[in-house]
């Protein structure tokens, strides 16, 4: 199937950070998390998941979460995941069906780390799943402000400018 067929089949909508998504599973039990250094307020789902699709030329803008997020590759090309930690260190991971080229089928983006995602050149689209634990809550999501991120990490000017909205 191509990207348009997946978007229709999974009833996907535009995602605020870029790409398309649809809910996966979010009916897990509720609990009251107590994690040091996190600003969780109130109850959260034990976990939640979405289907997520990026087409060539689109990107998931830099953002960070209060929770860890596990990415799962399902179909399509390879995604590049750019991570900037609190010290400003940049790492790039490859998610997809290219184990000989160092890509993996699953990758965990740690909480509090700024990250952005885009299809590699030549990847028409990539269909993934994203699972969060604790489950997603709007209070736990921060979309990067370009100027703020550039002030924090001027050494990554080109990347931040390209992958923020």
N, C-alpha and C. Protein backbone atom coordinates (compact mmCIF):
# COMPACT_ATOMS: atom_id res chain seq x y z
N UNK A 1 0.85 -1.19 0.00
CA UNK A 1 0.00 0.00 0.00
C UNK A 1 0.89 1.24 0.00
N UNK A 2 0.41 2.30 -0.63
CA UNK A 2 1.15 3.56 -0.60
C UNK A 2 0.66 4.41 0.59
N UNK A 3 1.26 5.58 0.76
CA UNK A 3 0.93 6.41 1.93
C UNK A 3 -0.53 6.85 1.93
N UNK A 4 -1.06 7.23 0.77
CA UNK A 4 -2.46 7.66 0.71
C UNK A 4 -3.40 6.53 1.12
N UNK A 5 -3.09 5.32 0.71
CA UNK A 5 -3.92 4.17 1.08
C UNK A 5 -3.86 3.90 2.58
N UNK A 6 -2.66 4.02 3.17
CA UNK A 6 -2.54 3.82 4.62
C UNK A 6 -3.30 4.91 5.39
N UNK A 7 -3.18 6.15 4.94
CA UNK A 7 -3.87 7.26 5.61
C UNK A 7 -5.38 7.02 5.59
N UNK A 8 -5.88 6.56 4.46
CA UNK A 8 -7.33 6.27 4.36
C UNK A 8 -7.70 5.05 5.19
N UNK A 9 -6.93 3.99 5.07
CA UNK A 9 -7.24 2.74 5.78
C UNK A 9 -7.23 2.93 7.31
N UNK A 10 -6.27 3.70 7.81
CA UNK A 10 -6.15 3.91 9.27
C UNK A 10 -6.91 5.15 9.75
N UNK A 11 -7.63 5.81 8.81
CA UNK A 11 -8.41 7.02 9.15
C UNK A 11 -7.55 8.05 9.88
N UNK A 12 -6.42 8.35 9.25
CA UNK A 12 -5.44 9.26 9.86
C UNK A 12 -5.82 10.72 9.64
N UNK A 13 -5.38 11.55 10.59
CA UNK A 13 -5.57 13.00 10.55
C UNK A 13 -4.20 13.66 10.64
N UNK A 14 -4.12 14.96 10.26
CA UNK A 14 -2.85 15.67 10.42
C UNK A 14 -2.45 15.75 11.90
N UNK A 15 -1.16 15.57 12.16
CA UNK A 15 -0.63 15.67 13.52
C UNK A 15 -0.04 17.07 13.71
N UNK A 16 -0.20 17.68 14.90
CA UNK A 16 0.30 19.04 15.13
C UNK A 16 1.81 19.21 14.91
N UNK A 17 2.59 18.16 15.10
CA UNK A 17 4.04 18.29 14.91
C UNK A 17 4.47 17.93 13.49
N UNK A 18 3.50 17.52 12.64
CA UNK A 18 3.78 17.11 11.27
C UNK A 18 3.38 15.66 11.06
N UNK A 19 3.18 15.28 9.82
CA UNK A 19 2.79 13.92 9.51
C UNK A 19 1.31 13.67 9.76
N UNK A 20 0.94 12.40 9.75
CA UNK A 20 -0.45 11.97 9.96
C UNK A 20 -0.48 10.93 11.06
N UNK A 21 -1.61 10.87 11.78
CA UNK A 21 -1.71 9.89 12.86
C UNK A 21 -3.15 9.45 13.06
N UNK A 22 -3.29 8.34 13.75
CA UNK A 22 -4.59 7.89 14.23
C UNK A 22 -4.34 7.14 15.54
N UNK A 23 -5.36 7.16 16.41
CA UNK A 23 -5.18 6.46 17.69
C UNK A 23 -4.96 4.98 17.46
N UNK A 24 -4.12 4.41 18.29
CA UNK A 24 -3.93 2.97 18.31
C UNK A 24 -4.71 2.42 19.47
N UNK A 25 -4.04 2.28 20.59
CA UNK A 25 -4.67 1.73 21.80
C UNK A 25 -4.42 2.70 22.93
N UNK A 26 -5.48 3.10 23.62
CA UNK A 26 -5.30 4.05 24.73
C UNK A 26 -6.24 3.73 25.89
N UNK A 27 -6.69 2.51 25.97
CA UNK A 27 -7.63 2.13 27.01
C UNK A 27 -6.96 1.33 28.12
N UNK A 28 -5.70 1.63 28.40
CA UNK A 28 -4.98 0.93 29.46
C UNK A 28 -5.43 1.45 30.82
N UNK A 29 -5.11 0.73 31.90
CA UNK A 29 -5.53 1.16 33.24
C UNK A 29 -4.93 2.51 33.64
N UNK A 30 -5.63 3.23 34.50
CA UNK A 30 -5.14 4.49 35.04
C UNK A 30 -4.28 4.24 36.27
N UNK A 31 -3.29 5.10 36.47
CA UNK A 31 -2.50 5.06 37.70
C UNK A 31 -1.98 6.45 37.98
N UNK A 32 -1.49 6.68 39.16
CA UNK A 32 -0.95 7.98 39.57
C UNK A 32 0.57 7.86 39.58
N UNK A 33 1.25 8.37 38.52
CA UNK A 33 2.70 8.19 38.44
C UNK A 33 3.44 9.06 39.45
N UNK A 34 4.56 8.55 39.90
CA UNK A 34 5.47 9.29 40.77
C UNK A 34 6.88 9.10 40.24
N UNK A 35 7.28 9.98 39.34
CA UNK A 35 8.60 9.90 38.74
C UNK A 35 9.41 11.12 39.13
N UNK A 36 10.58 10.94 39.72
CA UNK A 36 11.43 12.07 40.10
C UNK A 36 11.75 12.94 38.89
N UNK A 37 11.66 14.25 39.06
CA UNK A 37 12.04 15.19 38.02
C UNK A 37 11.01 15.41 36.94
N UNK A 38 9.86 14.76 37.03
CA UNK A 38 8.83 14.97 36.02
C UNK A 38 7.67 15.75 36.62
N UNK A 39 6.98 16.47 35.76
CA UNK A 39 5.92 17.35 36.24
C UNK A 39 4.53 16.75 36.11
N UNK A 40 4.43 15.43 36.11
CA UNK A 40 3.13 14.78 35.99
C UNK A 40 2.17 15.30 37.05
N UNK A 41 0.99 15.63 36.61
CA UNK A 41 -0.07 16.04 37.52
C UNK A 41 -1.26 15.14 37.28
N UNK A 42 -1.69 14.44 38.30
CA UNK A 42 -2.89 13.62 38.16
C UNK A 42 -2.63 12.27 37.54
N UNK A 43 -3.71 11.60 37.26
CA UNK A 43 -3.67 10.23 36.75
C UNK A 43 -3.28 10.19 35.28
N UNK A 44 -2.63 9.10 34.89
CA UNK A 44 -2.26 8.85 33.50
C UNK A 44 -2.64 7.41 33.17
N UNK A 45 -2.80 7.15 31.88
CA UNK A 45 -2.94 5.79 31.40
C UNK A 45 -1.59 5.09 31.57
N UNK A 46 -1.63 3.80 31.78
CA UNK A 46 -0.39 3.03 31.91
C UNK A 46 0.45 3.18 30.63
N UNK A 47 -0.22 3.16 29.48
CA UNK A 47 0.45 3.41 28.20
C UNK A 47 -0.60 3.84 27.18
N UNK A 48 -0.13 4.38 26.06
CA UNK A 48 -0.99 4.69 24.92
C UNK A 48 -0.17 4.51 23.66
N UNK A 49 -0.86 4.36 22.53
CA UNK A 49 -0.13 4.20 21.27
C UNK A 49 -0.90 4.88 20.14
N UNK A 50 -0.15 5.25 19.10
CA UNK A 50 -0.74 5.80 17.89
C UNK A 50 -0.07 5.15 16.68
N UNK A 51 -0.76 5.21 15.55
CA UNK A 51 -0.14 4.97 14.26
C UNK A 51 0.34 6.32 13.77
N UNK A 52 1.52 6.36 13.17
CA UNK A 52 2.10 7.62 12.74
C UNK A 52 2.75 7.42 11.38
N UNK A 53 2.48 8.34 10.44
CA UNK A 53 3.01 8.22 9.09
C UNK A 53 3.65 9.54 8.68
N UNK A 54 4.86 9.45 8.18
CA UNK A 54 5.55 10.61 7.60
C UNK A 54 5.81 10.33 6.13
N UNK A 55 5.49 11.31 5.30
CA UNK A 55 5.76 11.21 3.87
C UNK A 55 7.04 11.97 3.54
N UNK A 56 7.66 11.60 2.44
CA UNK A 56 8.87 12.27 1.99
C UNK A 56 8.63 13.78 1.92
N UNK A 57 9.56 14.54 2.46
CA UNK A 57 9.45 16.00 2.46
C UNK A 57 8.78 16.56 3.70
N UNK A 58 8.13 15.73 4.50
CA UNK A 58 7.50 16.19 5.74
C UNK A 58 8.41 15.82 6.91
N UNK A 59 8.10 16.32 8.09
CA UNK A 59 8.90 16.00 9.27
C UNK A 59 8.06 16.16 10.53
N UNK A 60 8.50 15.49 11.56
CA UNK A 60 7.97 15.67 12.90
C UNK A 60 8.87 16.71 13.55
N UNK A 61 8.32 17.88 13.85
CA UNK A 61 9.10 19.00 14.36
C UNK A 61 9.69 18.69 15.74
N UNK A 62 10.79 19.37 16.05
CA UNK A 62 11.42 19.18 17.36
C UNK A 62 10.40 19.38 18.46
N UNK A 63 10.39 18.42 19.38
CA UNK A 63 9.52 18.46 20.54
C UNK A 63 10.15 17.58 21.61
N UNK A 64 9.60 17.66 22.80
CA UNK A 64 10.04 16.76 23.86
C UNK A 64 8.84 16.35 24.69
N UNK A 65 9.02 15.25 25.37
CA UNK A 65 7.94 14.65 26.16
C UNK A 65 8.41 14.43 27.59
N UNK A 66 7.46 14.34 28.47
CA UNK A 66 7.75 14.00 29.86
C UNK A 66 7.85 12.50 30.06
N UNK A 67 7.54 11.74 29.02
CA UNK A 67 7.55 10.28 29.10
C UNK A 67 8.45 9.71 28.02
N UNK A 68 8.90 8.50 28.22
CA UNK A 68 9.64 7.80 27.16
C UNK A 68 8.67 7.43 26.05
N UNK A 69 9.18 7.41 24.82
CA UNK A 69 8.34 7.05 23.67
C UNK A 69 9.06 5.97 22.85
N UNK A 70 8.39 4.84 22.68
CA UNK A 70 8.94 3.75 21.88
C UNK A 70 8.39 3.86 20.46
N UNK A 71 9.30 3.91 19.49
CA UNK A 71 8.94 3.94 18.07
C UNK A 71 9.07 2.53 17.50
N UNK A 72 8.09 2.13 16.68
CA UNK A 72 8.07 0.83 16.03
C UNK A 72 7.91 1.07 14.53
N UNK A 73 8.76 0.50 13.71
CA UNK A 73 8.65 0.64 12.26
C UNK A 73 7.76 -0.48 11.72
N UNK A 74 6.77 -0.12 10.88
CA UNK A 74 5.87 -1.12 10.30
C UNK A 74 6.11 -1.32 8.81
N UNK A 75 6.16 -0.22 8.06
CA UNK A 75 6.29 -0.35 6.61
C UNK A 75 6.85 0.94 6.02
N UNK A 76 7.46 0.81 4.85
CA UNK A 76 7.96 1.97 4.14
C UNK A 76 9.46 2.15 4.35
N UNK A 77 9.90 3.38 4.12
CA UNK A 77 11.32 3.69 4.17
C UNK A 77 11.84 3.95 5.56
N UNK A 78 13.09 4.38 5.59
CA UNK A 78 13.81 4.62 6.85
C UNK A 78 13.55 6.05 7.33
N UNK A 79 13.38 6.18 8.63
CA UNK A 79 13.27 7.49 9.27
C UNK A 79 14.56 7.82 9.99
N UNK A 80 14.92 9.10 9.98
CA UNK A 80 16.05 9.59 10.78
C UNK A 80 15.47 10.29 12.00
N UNK A 81 15.92 9.88 13.18
CA UNK A 81 15.49 10.48 14.44
C UNK A 81 16.68 11.28 14.98
N UNK A 82 16.49 12.59 15.11
CA UNK A 82 17.53 13.49 15.62
C UNK A 82 17.22 13.79 17.08
N UNK A 83 18.19 13.55 17.95
CA UNK A 83 18.01 13.78 19.39
C UNK A 83 19.05 14.76 19.89
N UNK A 84 18.60 15.76 20.67
CA UNK A 84 19.52 16.70 21.30
C UNK A 84 19.28 16.61 22.80
N UNK A 85 20.31 16.18 23.54
CA UNK A 85 20.14 16.05 24.98
C UNK A 85 20.42 17.37 25.69
N UNK A 86 20.27 17.39 26.98
CA UNK A 86 20.40 18.63 27.77
C UNK A 86 21.78 19.27 27.63
N UNK A 87 22.81 18.47 27.35
CA UNK A 87 24.16 19.03 27.19
C UNK A 87 24.39 19.59 25.80
N UNK A 88 23.45 19.37 24.88
CA UNK A 88 23.58 19.84 23.51
C UNK A 88 24.15 18.80 22.57
N UNK A 89 24.42 17.60 23.07
CA UNK A 89 24.95 16.53 22.22
C UNK A 89 23.86 16.05 21.26
N UNK A 90 24.23 15.96 19.99
CA UNK A 90 23.32 15.50 18.94
C UNK A 90 23.62 14.04 18.61
N UNK A 91 22.58 13.23 18.54
CA UNK A 91 22.74 11.86 18.02
C UNK A 91 21.65 11.64 16.98
N UNK A 92 21.95 10.77 16.03
CA UNK A 92 21.02 10.46 14.94
C UNK A 92 20.85 8.95 14.90
N UNK A 93 19.60 8.52 14.94
CA UNK A 93 19.28 7.10 14.88
C UNK A 93 18.48 6.85 13.61
N UNK A 94 18.56 5.64 13.11
CA UNK A 94 17.82 5.25 11.91
C UNK A 94 16.81 4.19 12.29
N UNK A 95 15.54 4.43 11.91
CA UNK A 95 14.45 3.51 12.21
C UNK A 95 13.90 2.98 10.90
N UNK A 96 13.90 1.65 10.72
CA UNK A 96 13.36 1.11 9.49
C UNK A 96 13.95 -0.24 9.14
N UNK A 97 13.61 -0.67 7.94
CA UNK A 97 14.00 -1.98 7.46
C UNK A 97 15.30 -1.90 6.66
N UNK A 98 16.38 -1.58 7.36
CA UNK A 98 17.71 -1.55 6.76
C UNK A 98 18.74 -1.94 7.82
N UNK A 99 18.65 -3.18 8.33
CA UNK A 99 19.57 -3.57 9.40
C UNK A 99 21.04 -3.53 8.97
N UNK A 100 21.32 -3.82 7.69
CA UNK A 100 22.71 -3.76 7.22
C UNK A 100 23.25 -2.33 7.29
N UNK A 101 22.37 -1.34 7.16
CA UNK A 101 22.77 0.06 7.22
C UNK A 101 22.65 0.65 8.62
N UNK A 102 22.41 -0.20 9.61
CA UNK A 102 22.36 0.28 10.99
C UNK A 102 20.99 0.69 11.48
N UNK A 103 19.97 0.49 10.67
CA UNK A 103 18.61 0.84 11.11
C UNK A 103 18.07 -0.24 12.04
N UNK A 104 17.18 0.18 12.93
CA UNK A 104 16.54 -0.73 13.87
C UNK A 104 15.03 -0.67 13.66
N UNK A 105 14.32 -1.70 14.12
CA UNK A 105 12.87 -1.74 13.99
C UNK A 105 12.17 -1.03 15.15
N UNK A 106 12.86 -0.88 16.27
CA UNK A 106 12.31 -0.20 17.44
C UNK A 106 13.37 0.73 18.00
N UNK A 107 12.91 1.87 18.52
CA UNK A 107 13.84 2.80 19.15
C UNK A 107 13.11 3.57 20.24
N UNK A 108 13.76 3.75 21.38
CA UNK A 108 13.18 4.48 22.50
C UNK A 108 13.74 5.89 22.54
N UNK A 109 12.86 6.89 22.42
CA UNK A 109 13.29 8.28 22.63
C UNK A 109 13.07 8.58 24.11
N UNK A 110 14.14 8.93 24.83
CA UNK A 110 14.02 9.17 26.26
C UNK A 110 13.27 10.46 26.57
N UNK A 111 12.62 10.49 27.72
CA UNK A 111 11.92 11.70 28.16
C UNK A 111 12.92 12.85 28.33
N UNK A 112 12.41 14.07 28.17
CA UNK A 112 13.14 15.34 28.34
C UNK A 112 14.17 15.61 27.25
N UNK A 113 14.30 14.75 26.25
CA UNK A 113 15.25 14.97 25.16
C UNK A 113 14.49 15.57 23.98
N UNK A 114 15.05 16.64 23.40
CA UNK A 114 14.45 17.23 22.21
C UNK A 114 14.69 16.29 21.04
N UNK A 115 13.64 16.03 20.24
CA UNK A 115 13.84 15.19 19.07
C UNK A 115 12.91 15.59 17.93
N UNK A 116 13.40 15.29 16.72
CA UNK A 116 12.65 15.53 15.49
C UNK A 116 12.89 14.31 14.59
N UNK A 117 11.98 14.11 13.64
CA UNK A 117 12.05 12.92 12.79
C UNK A 117 11.72 13.31 11.36
N UNK A 118 12.45 12.71 10.41
CA UNK A 118 12.13 12.91 8.99
C UNK A 118 12.49 11.66 8.20
N UNK A 119 11.78 11.43 7.09
CA UNK A 119 12.16 10.31 6.22
C UNK A 119 13.52 10.58 5.59
N UNK A 120 14.31 9.54 5.46
CA UNK A 120 15.58 9.67 4.75
C UNK A 120 15.29 9.99 3.29
N UNK A 121 16.25 10.62 2.64
CA UNK A 121 16.14 10.89 1.21
C UNK A 121 15.89 9.57 0.49
N UNK A 122 14.88 9.56 -0.37
CA UNK A 122 14.52 8.36 -1.10
C UNK A 122 13.46 7.51 -0.42
N UNK A 123 13.09 7.87 0.79
CA UNK A 123 12.02 7.15 1.49
C UNK A 123 10.70 7.85 1.18
N UNK A 124 9.86 7.20 0.40
CA UNK A 124 8.58 7.78 -0.02
C UNK A 124 7.68 8.07 1.17
N UNK A 125 7.68 7.14 2.14
CA UNK A 125 6.91 7.31 3.38
C UNK A 125 7.40 6.28 4.38
N UNK A 126 7.04 6.47 5.63
CA UNK A 126 7.29 5.46 6.66
C UNK A 126 6.08 5.41 7.56
N UNK A 127 5.57 4.21 7.80
CA UNK A 127 4.46 3.98 8.72
C UNK A 127 5.04 3.36 9.99
N UNK A 128 4.75 4.02 11.11
CA UNK A 128 5.29 3.60 12.40
C UNK A 128 4.19 3.54 13.43
N UNK A 129 4.56 3.06 14.59
CA UNK A 129 3.73 3.16 15.77
C UNK A 129 4.55 3.84 16.84
N UNK A 130 3.88 4.59 17.69
CA UNK A 130 4.53 5.26 18.82
C UNK A 130 3.77 4.87 20.09
N UNK A 131 4.49 4.33 21.05
CA UNK A 131 3.90 3.91 22.31
C UNK A 131 4.55 4.68 23.44
N UNK A 132 3.72 5.27 24.30
CA UNK A 132 4.21 6.05 25.43
C UNK A 132 3.82 5.38 26.73
N UNK A 133 4.73 5.46 27.69
CA UNK A 133 4.44 4.96 29.03
C UNK A 133 5.08 5.90 30.02
N UNK A 134 4.29 6.54 30.90
CA UNK A 134 2.84 6.55 30.96
C UNK A 134 2.22 7.08 29.67
N UNK A 135 0.93 6.84 29.52
CA UNK A 135 0.21 7.22 28.32
C UNK A 135 0.24 8.72 28.06
N UNK A 136 0.00 9.07 26.79
CA UNK A 136 0.07 10.46 26.36
C UNK A 136 -0.94 11.34 27.09
N UNK A 137 -0.49 12.55 27.42
CA UNK A 137 -1.33 13.60 27.96
C UNK A 137 -0.79 14.91 27.41
N UNK A 138 -1.67 15.82 26.98
CA UNK A 138 -1.23 17.10 26.41
C UNK A 138 -0.27 17.86 27.32
N UNK A 139 -0.43 17.73 28.64
CA UNK A 139 0.45 18.43 29.58
C UNK A 139 1.89 17.95 29.51
N UNK A 140 2.11 16.79 28.92
CA UNK A 140 3.44 16.19 28.88
C UNK A 140 4.18 16.44 27.57
N UNK A 141 3.61 17.27 26.70
CA UNK A 141 4.14 17.52 25.36
C UNK A 141 4.57 18.98 25.24
N UNK A 142 5.77 19.22 24.68
CA UNK A 142 6.23 20.59 24.43
C UNK A 142 6.80 20.66 23.01
N UNK A 143 6.12 21.41 22.15
CA UNK A 143 6.61 21.67 20.81
C UNK A 143 7.67 22.76 20.91
N UNK A 144 8.80 22.55 20.26
CA UNK A 144 9.91 23.49 20.38
C UNK A 144 9.57 24.85 19.78
N UNK A 145 9.98 25.88 20.48
CA UNK A 145 10.00 27.23 19.95
C UNK A 145 11.36 27.41 19.29
N UNK A 146 11.37 27.72 18.00
CA UNK A 146 12.62 27.79 17.24
C UNK A 146 13.66 28.69 17.90
N UNK A 147 13.27 29.90 18.28
CA UNK A 147 14.24 30.85 18.85
C UNK A 147 14.79 30.36 20.19
N UNK A 148 13.93 29.78 21.00
CA UNK A 148 14.38 29.25 22.29
C UNK A 148 15.40 28.12 22.09
N UNK A 149 15.10 27.21 21.15
CA UNK A 149 16.00 26.08 20.89
C UNK A 149 17.32 26.57 20.30
N UNK A 150 17.25 27.57 19.42
CA UNK A 150 18.49 28.12 18.83
C UNK A 150 19.35 28.80 19.90
N UNK A 151 18.71 29.43 20.88
CA UNK A 151 19.46 30.04 21.98
C UNK A 151 20.16 28.98 22.82
N UNK A 152 19.46 27.87 23.06
CA UNK A 152 20.04 26.79 23.86
C UNK A 152 21.14 26.02 23.12
N UNK A 153 20.93 25.82 21.82
CA UNK A 153 21.82 24.95 21.05
C UNK A 153 22.22 25.60 19.71
N UNK A 154 22.95 26.73 19.75
CA UNK A 154 23.29 27.43 18.50
C UNK A 154 24.16 26.58 17.56
N UNK A 155 24.84 25.59 18.09
CA UNK A 155 25.69 24.73 17.26
C UNK A 155 24.87 23.87 16.28
N UNK A 156 23.56 23.78 16.51
CA UNK A 156 22.70 22.98 15.63
C UNK A 156 21.74 23.87 14.84
N UNK A 157 22.21 25.07 14.50
CA UNK A 157 21.37 26.09 13.84
C UNK A 157 20.65 25.55 12.60
N UNK A 158 21.38 24.94 11.68
CA UNK A 158 20.77 24.49 10.42
C UNK A 158 19.68 23.45 10.68
N UNK A 159 19.97 22.48 11.53
CA UNK A 159 19.03 21.41 11.82
C UNK A 159 17.78 21.93 12.52
N UNK A 160 17.97 22.77 13.53
CA UNK A 160 16.84 23.32 14.27
C UNK A 160 15.98 24.20 13.37
N UNK A 161 16.61 25.02 12.55
CA UNK A 161 15.85 25.89 11.64
C UNK A 161 15.04 25.06 10.65
N UNK A 162 15.61 23.98 10.16
CA UNK A 162 14.94 23.13 9.18
C UNK A 162 13.82 22.30 9.79
N UNK A 163 13.97 21.88 11.06
CA UNK A 163 13.01 20.94 11.65
C UNK A 163 12.20 21.54 12.79
N UNK A 164 11.90 22.83 12.68
CA UNK A 164 10.92 23.47 13.57
C UNK A 164 9.90 24.18 12.70
N UNK A 165 8.73 24.45 13.28
CA UNK A 165 7.66 25.10 12.51
C UNK A 165 7.44 26.49 13.06
